[in-house]
N, C-alpha and C. Protein backbone atom coordinates (compact mmCIF):
# COMPACT_ATOMS: atom_id res chain seq x y z
N UNK A 1 12.53 -9.17 -3.75
CA UNK A 1 11.14 -8.80 -3.62
C UNK A 1 10.69 -8.11 -4.91
N UNK A 2 9.65 -8.60 -5.51
CA UNK A 2 9.11 -7.99 -6.73
C UNK A 2 7.77 -7.36 -6.39
N UNK A 3 7.62 -6.08 -6.76
CA UNK A 3 6.36 -5.39 -6.51
C UNK A 3 6.08 -4.44 -7.66
N UNK A 4 4.96 -3.77 -7.59
CA UNK A 4 4.53 -2.85 -8.63
C UNK A 4 4.34 -1.46 -8.05
N UNK A 5 4.07 -0.49 -8.92
CA UNK A 5 3.76 0.86 -8.45
C UNK A 5 2.67 1.46 -9.33
N UNK A 6 1.95 2.40 -8.74
CA UNK A 6 0.88 3.11 -9.45
C UNK A 6 1.34 4.53 -9.76
N UNK A 7 0.95 5.02 -10.93
CA UNK A 7 1.24 6.40 -11.30
C UNK A 7 0.23 6.83 -12.35
N UNK A 8 -0.37 7.96 -12.14
CA UNK A 8 -1.24 8.60 -13.12
C UNK A 8 -2.29 7.65 -13.70
N UNK A 9 -2.93 6.89 -12.81
CA UNK A 9 -4.05 6.03 -13.21
C UNK A 9 -3.68 4.67 -13.76
N UNK A 10 -2.40 4.30 -13.75
CA UNK A 10 -1.97 3.00 -14.25
C UNK A 10 -1.08 2.32 -13.22
N UNK A 11 -0.99 1.00 -13.34
CA UNK A 11 -0.10 0.20 -12.51
C UNK A 11 0.99 -0.37 -13.40
N UNK A 12 2.22 -0.42 -12.89
CA UNK A 12 3.35 -0.91 -13.70
C UNK A 12 3.12 -2.34 -14.19
N UNK A 13 2.29 -3.12 -13.51
CA UNK A 13 2.01 -4.50 -13.92
C UNK A 13 1.35 -4.53 -15.31
N UNK A 14 0.60 -3.48 -15.66
CA UNK A 14 -0.04 -3.40 -16.97
C UNK A 14 0.99 -3.44 -18.10
N UNK A 15 2.22 -3.06 -17.80
CA UNK A 15 3.29 -3.00 -18.79
C UNK A 15 4.33 -4.11 -18.58
N UNK A 16 3.97 -5.10 -17.77
CA UNK A 16 4.90 -6.20 -17.42
C UNK A 16 6.17 -5.67 -16.77
N UNK A 17 6.05 -4.57 -16.04
CA UNK A 17 7.20 -3.93 -15.41
C UNK A 17 7.06 -4.05 -13.89
N UNK A 18 8.14 -4.52 -13.25
CA UNK A 18 8.10 -4.76 -11.82
C UNK A 18 9.35 -4.19 -11.15
N UNK A 19 9.19 -3.71 -9.93
CA UNK A 19 10.33 -3.26 -9.13
C UNK A 19 11.04 -4.52 -8.64
N UNK A 20 12.36 -4.61 -8.86
CA UNK A 20 13.05 -5.85 -8.51
C UNK A 20 14.07 -5.69 -7.39
N UNK A 21 13.91 -4.69 -6.56
CA UNK A 21 14.82 -4.51 -5.42
C UNK A 21 14.12 -3.68 -4.35
N UNK A 22 14.60 -3.79 -3.14
CA UNK A 22 14.07 -2.93 -2.09
C UNK A 22 14.63 -1.53 -2.32
N UNK A 23 13.79 -0.53 -2.16
CA UNK A 23 14.23 0.85 -2.38
C UNK A 23 13.89 1.70 -1.17
N UNK A 24 14.66 2.73 -0.96
CA UNK A 24 14.36 3.73 0.05
C UNK A 24 13.66 4.87 -0.64
N UNK A 25 12.45 5.15 -0.22
CA UNK A 25 11.65 6.20 -0.86
C UNK A 25 12.14 7.56 -0.39
N UNK A 26 12.43 8.43 -1.35
CA UNK A 26 12.84 9.79 -1.06
C UNK A 26 11.61 10.64 -0.77
N UNK A 27 11.84 11.84 -0.31
CA UNK A 27 10.74 12.75 -0.05
C UNK A 27 11.21 14.17 -0.34
N UNK A 28 10.30 14.99 -0.79
CA UNK A 28 10.67 16.38 -1.05
C UNK A 28 10.82 17.13 0.27
N UNK A 29 11.60 18.18 0.23
CA UNK A 29 11.87 19.01 1.40
C UNK A 29 11.27 20.40 1.17
N UNK A 30 10.87 21.07 2.25
CA UNK A 30 10.37 22.44 2.09
C UNK A 30 11.43 23.34 1.46
N UNK A 31 10.99 24.24 0.60
CA UNK A 31 11.90 25.19 -0.05
C UNK A 31 11.82 26.51 0.72
N UNK A 32 12.97 27.02 1.12
CA UNK A 32 13.01 28.28 1.85
C UNK A 32 14.32 29.00 1.57
N UNK A 33 14.32 30.28 1.84
CA UNK A 33 15.53 31.10 1.71
C UNK A 33 15.93 31.56 3.10
N UNK A 34 17.21 31.78 3.28
CA UNK A 34 17.68 32.32 4.55
C UNK A 34 18.39 33.64 4.30
N UNK A 35 18.22 34.55 5.23
CA UNK A 35 18.86 35.86 5.16
C UNK A 35 19.59 36.10 6.47
N UNK A 36 20.85 36.50 6.35
CA UNK A 36 21.63 36.85 7.53
C UNK A 36 21.38 38.32 7.84
N UNK A 37 20.86 38.57 9.03
CA UNK A 37 20.54 39.93 9.44
C UNK A 37 21.56 40.38 10.49
N UNK A 38 22.31 41.47 10.21
CA UNK A 38 23.28 41.95 11.20
C UNK A 38 22.60 42.27 12.53
N UNK A 39 23.22 41.85 13.63
CA UNK A 39 22.69 42.11 14.96
C UNK A 39 21.66 41.10 15.42
N UNK A 40 21.35 40.13 14.60
CA UNK A 40 20.36 39.10 14.96
C UNK A 40 21.05 37.75 15.02
N UNK A 41 20.76 36.99 16.07
CA UNK A 41 21.31 35.65 16.17
C UNK A 41 20.60 34.73 15.18
N UNK A 42 21.37 33.91 14.50
CA UNK A 42 20.79 32.97 13.55
C UNK A 42 20.35 33.68 12.27
N UNK A 43 19.81 32.90 11.35
CA UNK A 43 19.33 33.44 10.08
C UNK A 43 17.82 33.63 10.11
N UNK A 44 17.34 34.55 9.31
CA UNK A 44 15.91 34.74 9.12
C UNK A 44 15.48 33.77 8.02
N UNK A 45 14.48 32.95 8.29
CA UNK A 45 14.02 31.95 7.34
C UNK A 45 12.75 32.45 6.66
N UNK A 46 12.81 32.49 5.31
CA UNK A 46 11.66 32.94 4.53
C UNK A 46 11.14 31.76 3.71
N UNK A 47 9.95 31.23 4.05
CA UNK A 47 9.41 30.10 3.29
C UNK A 47 8.98 30.54 1.89
N UNK A 48 9.22 29.66 0.91
CA UNK A 48 8.81 29.93 -0.48
C UNK A 48 7.46 29.28 -0.79
N UNK A 49 6.82 28.71 0.24
CA UNK A 49 5.48 28.11 0.12
C UNK A 49 5.41 27.04 -0.95
N UNK A 50 6.43 26.20 -1.02
CA UNK A 50 6.44 25.09 -1.96
C UNK A 50 7.45 24.04 -1.47
N UNK A 51 7.50 22.94 -2.17
CA UNK A 51 8.48 21.90 -1.87
C UNK A 51 9.46 21.79 -3.03
N UNK A 52 10.69 21.43 -2.73
CA UNK A 52 11.71 21.25 -3.76
C UNK A 52 11.43 19.97 -4.55
N UNK A 53 11.89 19.94 -5.78
CA UNK A 53 11.81 18.73 -6.60
C UNK A 53 12.83 17.71 -6.09
N UNK A 54 12.59 16.45 -6.40
CA UNK A 54 13.57 15.42 -6.07
C UNK A 54 13.46 14.30 -7.09
N UNK A 55 14.52 13.53 -7.20
CA UNK A 55 14.54 12.39 -8.11
C UNK A 55 14.49 11.11 -7.30
N UNK A 56 13.85 10.09 -7.86
CA UNK A 56 13.76 8.79 -7.21
C UNK A 56 14.12 7.72 -8.22
N UNK A 57 15.24 7.05 -8.01
CA UNK A 57 15.63 5.94 -8.87
C UNK A 57 14.88 4.69 -8.43
N UNK A 58 14.33 3.97 -9.40
CA UNK A 58 13.60 2.73 -9.11
C UNK A 58 14.09 1.66 -10.08
N UNK A 59 14.82 0.64 -9.58
CA UNK A 59 15.29 -0.43 -10.46
C UNK A 59 14.11 -1.34 -10.84
N UNK A 60 13.91 -1.52 -12.14
CA UNK A 60 12.78 -2.33 -12.61
C UNK A 60 13.25 -3.43 -13.56
N UNK A 61 12.38 -4.42 -13.73
CA UNK A 61 12.59 -5.46 -14.72
C UNK A 61 11.31 -5.57 -15.55
N UNK A 62 11.47 -5.98 -16.80
CA UNK A 62 10.35 -6.25 -17.68
C UNK A 62 10.30 -7.76 -17.89
N UNK A 63 9.11 -8.33 -17.78
CA UNK A 63 8.94 -9.75 -18.01
C UNK A 63 8.27 -9.95 -19.37
N UNK A 64 8.78 -10.86 -20.16
CA UNK A 64 8.20 -11.14 -21.47
C UNK A 64 9.28 -11.29 -22.51
N UNK A 65 8.85 -11.55 -23.74
CA UNK A 65 9.77 -11.71 -24.85
C UNK A 65 10.36 -10.38 -25.28
N UNK A 66 11.40 -10.45 -26.10
CA UNK A 66 12.13 -9.25 -26.53
C UNK A 66 11.22 -8.25 -27.25
N UNK A 67 10.47 -8.69 -28.26
CA UNK A 67 9.61 -7.78 -29.03
C UNK A 67 8.56 -7.12 -28.15
N UNK A 68 7.93 -7.93 -27.30
CA UNK A 68 6.91 -7.42 -26.40
C UNK A 68 7.53 -6.41 -25.43
N UNK A 69 8.70 -6.74 -24.91
CA UNK A 69 9.36 -5.85 -23.95
C UNK A 69 9.71 -4.52 -24.60
N UNK A 70 10.24 -4.53 -25.80
CA UNK A 70 10.60 -3.28 -26.49
C UNK A 70 9.36 -2.42 -26.72
N UNK A 71 8.24 -3.04 -27.04
CA UNK A 71 6.98 -2.31 -27.21
C UNK A 71 6.53 -1.71 -25.88
N UNK A 72 6.64 -2.50 -24.81
CA UNK A 72 6.22 -2.03 -23.48
C UNK A 72 7.09 -0.87 -23.01
N UNK A 73 8.38 -0.91 -23.31
CA UNK A 73 9.27 0.18 -22.89
C UNK A 73 8.83 1.50 -23.50
N UNK A 74 8.43 1.51 -24.75
CA UNK A 74 7.94 2.73 -25.39
C UNK A 74 6.62 3.18 -24.74
N UNK A 75 5.74 2.25 -24.43
CA UNK A 75 4.49 2.59 -23.75
C UNK A 75 4.76 3.18 -22.37
N UNK A 76 5.73 2.61 -21.66
CA UNK A 76 6.09 3.12 -20.32
C UNK A 76 6.65 4.53 -20.43
N UNK A 77 7.48 4.77 -21.42
CA UNK A 77 8.04 6.11 -21.61
C UNK A 77 6.92 7.13 -21.76
N UNK A 78 5.94 6.83 -22.61
CA UNK A 78 4.80 7.75 -22.81
C UNK A 78 3.97 7.88 -21.54
N UNK A 79 3.77 6.76 -20.82
CA UNK A 79 2.99 6.77 -19.58
C UNK A 79 3.64 7.66 -18.53
N UNK A 80 4.95 7.48 -18.30
CA UNK A 80 5.63 8.24 -17.25
C UNK A 80 5.80 9.71 -17.60
N UNK A 81 5.82 10.04 -18.88
CA UNK A 81 5.92 11.44 -19.29
C UNK A 81 4.54 12.09 -19.47
N UNK A 82 3.46 11.31 -19.36
CA UNK A 82 2.12 11.83 -19.63
C UNK A 82 1.72 12.94 -18.67
N UNK A 83 2.24 12.95 -17.47
CA UNK A 83 1.86 13.97 -16.49
C UNK A 83 2.66 15.25 -16.67
N UNK A 84 3.72 15.22 -17.47
CA UNK A 84 4.56 16.39 -17.66
C UNK A 84 4.16 17.21 -18.88
N UNK A 85 3.39 16.62 -19.77
CA UNK A 85 3.03 17.28 -21.02
C UNK A 85 4.12 17.19 -22.05
N UNK A 86 5.17 16.38 -21.81
CA UNK A 86 6.29 16.27 -22.75
C UNK A 86 6.02 15.21 -23.80
N UNK A 87 5.58 14.03 -23.43
CA UNK A 87 5.40 12.83 -24.28
C UNK A 87 6.06 13.01 -25.60
């Protein structure tokens, strides 16, 4: 199954990049701390009011000639890092 994905205002198809396998989408989990309180059953849960980070591997393929593909890979790198401020 070949499909595309959207991120930060662009679609992977713009870069000739396609997902080439079925993937299980991960999800972030709530971030919290636990404290063991003597005399109390169970732990005290303190929410940190945020979600933990997570990584998602996505196997992709690039369609096109070698030169075009190498150019697209650099464009994709800048596109995917554009939301982090790293580029």
